[in-house]
Amino acid sequence: MFLLLVARWGIVRLGRTFMFSYDYKPRGVCSRMIHIGLSDDGKTVEQVSFEGGCNGNLKAIGKLVAGHPVDEICQILSGNTCGPRNTSCADQLARGLRAAEDELAGVAPEA
């Protein structure tokens, strides 16, 4: 049984484990939304899923980042590009992870 606080972000309770849940709207890429789940302290990626974009590749990214520290994932994925774009779904995930960290810490999001 779990509890989900419905909002832009929330805390999900899975048994005795809490997970911070955050939805990030990427810009300049094919995916329409990135759903991010972080450990309750915000330091570890618990789960990631994408809406839209390259289905197989984005499912693989979600599997590869699960269980890894946010800082490690951001360091690896930040600045990645896709074709002629100056960003990519991976780069947008890194930005979303930083936005989720800020939200968890109570920092106002950038405009």
Foldseek 3Di string as FASTA:
>chain_A
DWDFDDDQWTWIDDPPFIWIWHKDQFPPEFWGIKIWIAGLLLFATQFIATHGDDHVVRVVVRVVRHGHTLVVQLVVQAQDDDPPDRHYVSNRVNVRSVVSNCVSVVHDDDD
